[in-house]
Amino acid sequence: MPSETPLSSDFLNYLVSSPLQNGRQPGEAPPIPSLSELSKELGVSVASLREQLEVAEAFGLVEVRPRLGIRRLPYSFFPAVSQSLQYAIRLDRGYFDQFSDLRNQIEASFWDRAVRLLTSQDHLLLKELMGRAWEKLRGSPVQIPHAEHRQLHMAIYSRLKNPFVLGVLEAYWEAYEQAGYNIFADYNYLREVWNYHQVMVDAICTGNYEAGYQALITHKDLLYQRS
């Protein structure tokens, strides 16, 4: 097996070379030593380690809390991809469309695997989200069920043990809000979207996964029409 290339950050190299012990999970392990202690151990200045720590914190790899010190977090792809995506969208709004296409391809590719992992409790959650969404759409005044929209899609893929898939999907919804799609929509558009969601949820709950997949693919085109 080829030797691993060291990371460019002394702090990150320290994290990956200090595996968790005794079956502990990130967040349960003792705090990471202070920067002054790490400075002596690694032979790196405190100022340099502080900069590296800030990067690690921005990427969601660690958290720094007063009196609790530095703690390692479970790995998540979301913080890194979300920050990069938000920067890209501010440079060029068209990047959202490109990322949206990537997200659509991922949801389609992982649909069958994801829905087969869902439990009866997950099915109840999907039905509850549908009920709340219809209540908002049929209420007076009409409300946009954006929270339910995001929760519904994330719930469908929630059982996947793939942090990269989940990170991309979660980052999409953050960007969706940044692009302003959660603020206003034509009422007929909203009803059409949620009619497809109803087909998806009914298909999942009855095990007709192919019908749900076809509804997923068809309703993806609606966002492009809206754009």
C-alpha atoms as a PDB file:
ATOM      1  CA  MET A   1       0.000   0.000   0.000  1.00  0.00           C
ATOM      2  CA  PRO A   2       1.524   3.391  -0.971  1.00  0.00           C
ATOM      3  CA  SER A   3       2.458   5.750   1.837  1.00  0.00           C
ATOM      4  CA  GLU A   4      -0.061   8.466   2.664  1.00  0.00           C
ATOM      5  CA  THR A   5       0.804  12.013   1.649  1.00  0.00           C
ATOM      6  CA  PRO A   6       0.843  14.364   4.651  1.00  0.00           C
ATOM      7  CA  LEU A   7      -1.801  17.074   4.688  1.00  0.00           C
ATOM      8  CA  SER A   8      -0.724  20.692   4.296  1.00  0.00           C
ATOM      9  CA  SER A   9      -1.929  21.538   7.818  1.00  0.00           C
ATOM     10  CA  ASP A  10       0.012  20.449  10.910  1.00  0.00           C
ATOM     11  CA  PHE A  11      -3.210  20.589  12.906  1.00  0.00           C
ATOM     12  CA  LEU A  12      -5.071  18.324  10.458  1.00  0.00           C
ATOM     13  CA  ASN A  13      -2.147  15.913  10.408  1.00  0.00           C
ATOM     14  CA  TYR A  14      -2.400  15.780  14.190  1.00  0.00           C
ATOM     15  CA  LEU A  15      -6.149  15.007  13.985  1.00  0.00           C
ATOM     16  CA  VAL A  16      -5.766  12.139  11.529  1.00  0.00           C
ATOM     17  CA  SER A  17      -2.776  10.677  13.359  1.00  0.00           C
ATOM     18  CA  SER A  18      -4.641  10.664  16.692  1.00  0.00           C
ATOM     19  CA  PRO A  19      -7.370   8.045  16.180  1.00  0.00           C
ATOM     20  CA  LEU A  20     -10.225   7.745  18.643  1.00  0.00           C
ATOM     21  CA  GLN A  21      -9.762   5.046  21.236  1.00  0.00           C
ATOM     22  CA  ASN A  22     -11.978   2.694  23.245  1.00  0.00           C
ATOM     23  CA  GLY A  23     -14.821   2.885  20.735  1.00  0.00           C
ATOM     24  CA  ARG A  24     -15.463   6.546  21.421  1.00  0.00           C
ATOM     25  CA  GLN A  25     -17.139   8.722  18.843  1.00  0.00           C
ATOM     26  CA  PRO A  26     -16.093  12.258  17.873  1.00  0.00           C
ATOM     27  CA  GLY A  27     -17.450  14.637  20.487  1.00  0.00           C
ATOM     28  CA  GLU A  28     -17.179  11.974  23.204  1.00  0.00           C
ATOM     29  CA  ALA A  29     -13.391  11.844  23.333  1.00  0.00           C
ATOM     30  CA  PRO A  30     -11.372  14.024  25.723  1.00  0.00           C
ATOM     31  CA  PRO A  31     -10.688  17.529  24.418  1.00  0.00           C
ATOM     32  CA  ILE A  32      -7.745  18.039  22.096  1.00  0.00           C
ATOM     33  CA  PRO A  33      -4.762  19.613  23.907  1.00  0.00           C
ATOM     34  CA  SER A  34      -4.552  23.392  23.987  1.00  0.00           C
ATOM     35  CA  LEU A  35      -2.712  25.226  21.233  1.00  0.00           C
ATOM     36  CA  SER A  36       0.185  25.976  23.561  1.00  0.00           C
ATOM     37  CA  GLU A  37       0.550  22.254  24.338  1.00  0.00           C
ATOM     38  CA  LEU A  38       0.247  21.314  20.676  1.00  0.00           C
ATOM     39  CA  SER A  39       2.805  23.968  19.801  1.00  0.00           C
ATOM     40  CA  LYS A  40       5.362  22.278  22.025  1.00  0.00           C
ATOM     41  CA  GLU A  41       4.430  18.786  20.833  1.00  0.00           C
ATOM     42  CA  LEU A  42       4.435  19.588  17.122  1.00  0.00           C
ATOM     43  CA  GLY A  43       7.116  22.258  17.047  1.00  0.00           C
ATOM     44  CA  VAL A  44       4.768  24.718  15.341  1.00  0.00           C
ATOM     45  CA  SER A  45       4.041  28.271  16.478  1.00  0.00           C
ATOM     46  CA  VAL A  46       0.805  28.994  18.315  1.00  0.00           C
ATOM     47  CA  ALA A  47      -0.065  31.669  15.737  1.00  0.00           C
ATOM     48  CA  SER A  48       0.229  29.158  12.891  1.00  0.00           C
ATOM     49  CA  LEU A  49      -1.815  26.552  14.758  1.00  0.00           C
ATOM     50  CA  ARG A  50      -4.501  29.136  15.502  1.00  0.00           C
ATOM     51  CA  GLU A  51      -4.896  29.863  11.792  1.00  0.00           C
ATOM     52  CA  GLN A  52      -5.065  26.149  11.021  1.00  0.00           C
ATOM     53  CA  LEU A  53      -7.600  25.635  13.798  1.00  0.00           C
ATOM     54  CA  GLU A  54      -9.832  28.331  12.309  1.00  0.00           C
ATOM     55  CA  VAL A  55      -9.803  26.507   8.977  1.00  0.00           C
ATOM     56  CA  ALA A  56     -10.604  23.172  10.644  1.00  0.00           C
ATOM     57  CA  GLU A  57     -13.447  24.820  12.539  1.00  0.00           C
ATOM     58  CA  ALA A  58     -14.833  26.385   9.343  1.00  0.00           C
ATOM     59  CA  PHE A  59     -14.782  22.941   7.713  1.00  0.00           C
ATOM     60  CA  GLY A  60     -16.750  21.514  10.641  1.00  0.00           C
ATOM     61  CA  LEU A  61     -13.984  19.167  11.733  1.00  0.00           C
ATOM     62  CA  VAL A  62     -13.717  20.529  15.263  1.00  0.00           C
ATOM     63  CA  GLU A  63     -15.562  22.858  17.595  1.00  0.00           C
ATOM     64  CA  VAL A  64     -14.045  25.305  20.060  1.00  0.00           C
ATOM     65  CA  ARG A  65     -16.078  26.075  23.166  1.00  0.00           C
ATOM     66  CA  PRO A  66     -15.166  28.176  26.201  1.00  0.00           C
ATOM     67  CA  ARG A  67     -14.060  26.065  29.173  1.00  0.00           C
ATOM     68  CA  LEU A  68     -14.505  22.872  27.137  1.00  0.00           C
ATOM     69  CA  GLY A  69     -11.614  23.382  24.761  1.00  0.00           C
ATOM     70  CA  ILE A  70     -11.216  21.912  21.284  1.00  0.00           C
ATOM     71  CA  ARG A  71     -13.267  18.836  20.414  1.00  0.00           C
ATOM     72  CA  ARG A  72     -13.292  16.691  17.303  1.00  0.00           C
ATOM     73  CA  LEU A  73     -16.644  16.458  15.473  1.00  0.00           C
ATOM     74  CA  PRO A  74     -18.089  13.619  13.389  1.00  0.00           C
ATOM     75  CA  TYR A  75     -17.024  14.043   9.774  1.00  0.00           C
ATOM     76  CA  SER A  76     -19.428  15.998   7.574  1.00  0.00           C
ATOM     77  CA  PHE A  77     -18.898  17.059   3.976  1.00  0.00           C
ATOM     78  CA  PHE A  78     -21.557  19.766   4.259  1.00  0.00           C
ATOM     79  CA  PRO A  79     -19.584  22.692   5.793  1.00  0.00           C
ATOM     80  CA  ALA A  80     -16.828  22.608   3.190  1.00  0.00           C
ATOM     81  CA  VAL A  81     -19.050  22.188   0.135  1.00  0.00           C
ATOM     82  CA  SER A  82     -21.600  24.720   1.423  1.00  0.00           C
ATOM     83  CA  GLN A  83     -19.053  27.477   1.932  1.00  0.00           C
ATOM     84  CA  SER A  84     -17.473  26.867  -1.460  1.00  0.00           C
ATOM     85  CA  LEU A  85     -20.885  26.793  -3.165  1.00  0.00           C
ATOM     86  CA  GLN A  86     -22.108  30.000  -1.533  1.00  0.00           C
ATOM     87  CA  TYR A  87     -18.935  31.752  -2.653  1.00  0.00           C
ATOM     88  CA  ALA A  88     -19.418  30.449  -6.194  1.00  0.00           C
ATOM     89  CA  ILE A  89     -23.026  31.645  -6.368  1.00  0.00           C
ATOM     90  CA  ARG A  90     -21.999  35.145  -5.325  1.00  0.00           C
ATOM     91  CA  LEU A  91     -19.515  35.166  -8.170  1.00  0.00           C
ATOM     92  CA  ASP A  92     -22.000  33.865 -10.732  1.00  0.00           C
ATOM     93  CA  ARG A  93     -25.657  32.932 -10.143  1.00  0.00           C
ATOM     94  CA  GLY A  94     -25.311  30.369 -12.930  1.00  0.00           C
ATOM     95  CA  TYR A  95     -23.280  28.152 -10.604  1.00  0.00           C
ATOM     96  CA  PHE A  96     -26.492  27.394  -8.727  1.00  0.00           C
ATOM     97  CA  ASP A  97     -28.012  25.877 -11.869  1.00  0.00           C
ATOM     98  CA  GLN A  98     -24.929  23.724 -12.380  1.00  0.00           C
ATOM     99  CA  PHE A  99     -24.959  22.553  -8.776  1.00  0.00           C
ATOM    100  CA  SER A 100     -28.700  21.948  -8.979  1.00  0.00           C
ATOM    101  CA  ASP A 101     -28.091  19.650 -11.940  1.00  0.00           C
ATOM    102  CA  LEU A 102     -25.477  17.752  -9.902  1.00  0.00           C
ATOM    103  CA  ARG A 103     -27.918  17.400  -7.028  1.00  0.00           C
ATOM    104  CA  ASN A 104     -30.631  16.107  -9.355  1.00  0.00           C
ATOM    105  CA  GLN A 105     -28.302  13.466 -10.740  1.00  0.00           C
ATOM    106  CA  ILE A 106     -27.319  12.374  -7.230  1.00  0.00           C
ATOM    107  CA  GLU A 107     -30.914  12.096  -6.025  1.00  0.00           C
ATOM    108  CA  ALA A 108     -31.833  10.075  -9.099  1.00  0.00           C
ATOM    109  CA  SER A 109     -28.813   7.777  -8.770  1.00  0.00           C
ATOM    110  CA  PHE A 110     -29.375   7.037  -5.089  1.00  0.00           C
ATOM    111  CA  TRP A 111     -33.192   6.953  -5.119  1.00  0.00           C
ATOM    112  CA  ASP A 112     -33.677   3.185  -5.174  1.00  0.00           C
ATOM    113  CA  ARG A 113     -31.044   2.518  -2.532  1.00  0.00           C
ATOM    114  CA  ALA A 114     -32.325   5.299  -0.281  1.00  0.00           C
ATOM    115  CA  VAL A 115     -36.044   4.473  -0.331  1.00  0.00           C
ATOM    116  CA  ARG A 116     -35.449   0.779   0.362  1.00  0.00           C
ATOM    117  CA  LEU A 117     -33.654   1.720   3.588  1.00  0.00           C
ATOM    118  CA  LEU A 118     -36.563   3.752   4.955  1.00  0.00           C
ATOM    119  CA  THR A 119     -38.494   2.361   7.923  1.00  0.00           C
ATOM    120  CA  SER A 120     -42.170   2.489   8.818  1.00  0.00           C
ATOM    121  CA  GLN A 121     -41.344   5.416  11.131  1.00  0.00           C
ATOM    122  CA  ASP A 122     -39.760   7.221   8.191  1.00  0.00           C
ATOM    123  CA  HIS A 123     -42.935   6.618   6.181  1.00  0.00           C
ATOM    124  CA  LEU A 124     -44.982   8.225   8.949  1.00  0.00           C
ATOM    125  CA  LEU A 125     -42.667  11.244   8.907  1.00  0.00           C
ATOM    126  CA  LEU A 126     -43.064  11.629   5.140  1.00  0.00           C
ATOM    127  CA  LYS A 127     -46.848  11.499   5.477  1.00  0.00           C
ATOM    128  CA  GLU A 128     -46.735  14.057   8.293  1.00  0.00           C
ATOM    129  CA  LEU A 129     -44.641  16.423   6.176  1.00  0.00           C
ATOM    130  CA  MET A 130     -47.095  16.047   3.304  1.00  0.00           C
ATOM    131  CA  GLY A 131     -49.995  16.839   5.608  1.00  0.00           C
ATOM    132  CA  ARG A 132     -48.305  19.976   6.919  1.00  0.00           C
ATOM    133  CA  ALA A 133     -47.438  21.098   3.400  1.00  0.00           C
ATOM    134  CA  TRP A 134     -51.011  20.700   2.125  1.00  0.00           C
ATOM    135  CA  GLU A 135     -52.328  22.501   5.188  1.00  0.00           C
ATOM    136  CA  LYS A 136     -50.131  25.504   4.357  1.00  0.00           C
ATOM    137  CA  LEU A 137     -51.053  25.465   0.673  1.00  0.00           C
ATOM    138  CA  ARG A 138     -54.783  25.209   1.385  1.00  0.00           C
ATOM    139  CA  GLY A 139     -54.780  27.700   4.227  1.00  0.00           C
ATOM    140  CA  SER A 140     -55.759  31.340   4.207  1.00  0.00           C
ATOM    141  CA  PRO A 141     -53.429  33.010   3.632  1.00  0.00           C
ATOM    142  CA  VAL A 142     -51.461  30.507   1.581  1.00  0.00           C
ATOM    143  CA  GLN A 143     -47.987  29.750   2.968  1.00  0.00           C
ATOM    144  CA  ILE A 144     -44.975  28.395   1.123  1.00  0.00           C
ATOM    145  CA  PRO A 145     -44.094  24.994   2.657  1.00  0.00           C
ATOM    146  CA  HIS A 146     -40.366  25.472   2.171  1.00  0.00           C
ATOM    147  CA  ALA A 147     -39.327  23.868   5.475  1.00  0.00           C
ATOM    148  CA  GLU A 148     -41.415  20.825   4.625  1.00  0.00           C
ATOM    149  CA  HIS A 149     -39.949  20.742   1.100  1.00  0.00           C
ATOM    150  CA  ARG A 150     -36.405  20.602   2.427  1.00  0.00           C
ATOM    151  CA  GLN A 151     -37.236  18.136   5.198  1.00  0.00           C
ATOM    152  CA  LEU A 152     -39.101  15.840   2.802  1.00  0.00           C
ATOM    153  CA  HIS A 153     -36.222  15.470   0.369  1.00  0.00           C
ATOM    154  CA  MET A 154     -33.621  15.104   3.111  1.00  0.00           C
ATOM    155  CA  ALA A 155     -35.784  12.521   4.928  1.00  0.00           C
ATOM    156  CA  ILE A 156     -35.975  10.353   1.800  1.00  0.00           C
ATOM    157  CA  TYR A 157     -32.162  10.078   1.725  1.00  0.00           C
ATOM    158  CA  SER A 158     -31.592  10.175   5.479  1.00  0.00           C
ATOM    159  CA  ARG A 159     -30.737   6.475   5.868  1.00  0.00           C
ATOM    160  CA  LEU A 160     -27.823   6.562   3.447  1.00  0.00           C
ATOM    161  CA  LYS A 161     -24.476   6.114   5.185  1.00  0.00           C
ATOM    162  CA  ASN A 162     -22.693   8.377   2.737  1.00  0.00           C
ATOM    163  CA  PRO A 163     -21.563  11.755   4.124  1.00  0.00           C
ATOM    164  CA  PHE A 164     -20.682  13.018   0.638  1.00  0.00           C
ATOM    165  CA  VAL A 165     -24.146  12.423  -0.787  1.00  0.00           C
ATOM    166  CA  LEU A 166     -25.825  13.937   2.264  1.00  0.00           C
ATOM    167  CA  GLY A 167     -23.388  16.855   2.270  1.00  0.00           C
ATOM    168  CA  VAL A 168     -24.175  17.740  -1.344  1.00  0.00           C
ATOM    169  CA  LEU A 169     -27.933  17.459  -0.782  1.00  0.00           C
ATOM    170  CA  GLU A 170     -27.861  19.610   2.338  1.00  0.00           C
ATOM    171  CA  ALA A 171     -25.647  22.205   0.648  1.00  0.00           C
ATOM    172  CA  TYR A 172     -28.157  22.387  -2.210  1.00  0.00           C
ATOM    173  CA  TRP A 173     -30.936  23.451   0.143  1.00  0.00           C
ATOM    174  CA  GLU A 174     -28.759  26.116   1.718  1.00  0.00           C
ATOM    175  CA  ALA A 175     -28.016  27.451  -1.764  1.00  0.00           C
ATOM    176  CA  TYR A 176     -31.690  27.163  -2.733  1.00  0.00           C
ATOM    177  CA  GLU A 177     -32.531  29.577   0.052  1.00  0.00           C
ATOM    178  CA  GLN A 178     -29.644  31.867  -0.850  1.00  0.00           C
ATOM    179  CA  ALA A 179     -30.914  31.970  -4.453  1.00  0.00           C
ATOM    180  CA  GLY A 180     -34.317  33.073  -3.130  1.00  0.00           C
ATOM    181  CA  TYR A 181     -36.427  30.162  -4.339  1.00  0.00           C
ATOM    182  CA  ASN A 182     -37.936  29.736  -0.873  1.00  0.00           C
ATOM    183  CA  ILE A 183     -39.428  33.242  -0.798  1.00  0.00           C
ATOM    184  CA  PHE A 184     -42.003  33.348  -3.579  1.00  0.00           C
ATOM    185  CA  ALA A 185     -43.563  30.966  -6.037  1.00  0.00           C
ATOM    186  CA  ASP A 186     -46.618  30.898  -8.245  1.00  0.00           C
ATOM    187  CA  TYR A 187     -49.459  29.070  -6.519  1.00  0.00           C
ATOM    188  CA  ASN A 188     -50.111  26.767  -9.469  1.00  0.00           C
ATOM    189  CA  TYR A 189     -46.415  25.905  -9.524  1.00  0.00           C
ATOM    190  CA  LEU A 190     -46.488  25.022  -5.826  1.00  0.00           C
ATOM    191  CA  ARG A 191     -49.536  22.788  -6.203  1.00  0.00           C
ATOM    192  CA  GLU A 192     -47.942  20.980  -9.134  1.00  0.00           C
ATOM    193  CA  VAL A 193     -44.730  20.392  -7.197  1.00  0.00           C
ATOM    194  CA  TRP A 194     -46.567  19.021  -4.193  1.00  0.00           C
ATOM    195  CA  ASN A 195     -48.785  16.817  -6.326  1.00  0.00           C
ATOM    196  CA  TYR A 196     -45.601  15.121  -7.500  1.00  0.00           C
ATOM    197  CA  HIS A 197     -44.367  14.919  -3.916  1.00  0.00           C
ATOM    198  CA  GLN A 198     -47.621  13.195  -2.991  1.00  0.00           C
ATOM    199  CA  VAL A 199     -47.063  10.608  -5.726  1.00  0.00           C
ATOM    200  CA  MET A 200     -43.501  10.074  -4.489  1.00  0.00           C
ATOM    201  CA  VAL A 201     -44.543   9.562  -0.876  1.00  0.00           C
ATOM    202  CA  ASP A 202     -47.481   7.292  -1.741  1.00  0.00           C
ATOM    203  CA  ALA A 203     -45.187   5.201  -3.935  1.00  0.00           C
ATOM    204  CA  ILE A 204     -42.544   4.912  -1.213  1.00  0.00           C
ATOM    205  CA  CYS A 205     -45.081   3.856   1.398  1.00  0.00           C
ATOM    206  CA  THR A 206     -46.603   1.197  -0.872  1.00  0.00           C
ATOM    207  CA  GLY A 207     -43.268  -0.102  -2.160  1.00  0.00           C
ATOM    208  CA  ASN A 208     -43.879   1.073  -5.727  1.00  0.00           C
ATOM    209  CA  TYR A 209     -40.404   2.576  -5.975  1.00  0.00           C
ATOM    210  CA  GLU A 210     -40.335   2.853  -9.764  1.00  0.00           C
ATOM    211  CA  ALA A 211     -43.447   5.058  -9.788  1.00  0.00           C
ATOM    212  CA  GLY A 212     -41.858   7.241  -7.129  1.00  0.00           C
ATOM    213  CA  TYR A 213     -38.696   7.478  -9.187  1.00  0.00           C
ATOM    214  CA  GLN A 214     -40.617   8.610 -12.274  1.00  0.00           C
ATOM    215  CA  ALA A 215     -42.369  11.306 -10.229  1.00  0.00           C
ATOM    216  CA  LEU A 216     -39.007  12.439  -8.862  1.00  0.00           C
ATOM    217  CA  ILE A 217     -37.517  12.760 -12.352  1.00  0.00           C
ATOM    218  CA  THR A 218     -40.542  14.575 -13.771  1.00  0.00           C
ATOM    219  CA  HIS A 219     -40.839  17.111 -10.982  1.00  0.00           C
ATOM    220  CA  LYS A 220     -37.153  18.072 -11.279  1.00  0.00           C
ATOM    221  CA  ASP A 221     -37.942  19.841 -14.552  1.00  0.00           C
ATOM    222  CA  LEU A 222     -40.301  22.227 -12.784  1.00  0.00           C
ATOM    223  CA  LEU A 223     -37.486  24.185 -11.147  1.00  0.00           C
ATOM    224  CA  TYR A 224     -35.833  24.746 -14.523  1.00  0.00           C
ATOM    225  CA  GLN A 225     -39.160  25.994 -15.920  1.00  0.00           C
ATOM    226  CA  ARG A 226     -39.489  28.332 -12.965  1.00  0.00           C
ATOM    227  CA  SER A 227     -35.952  29.651 -13.481  1.00  0.00           C
END
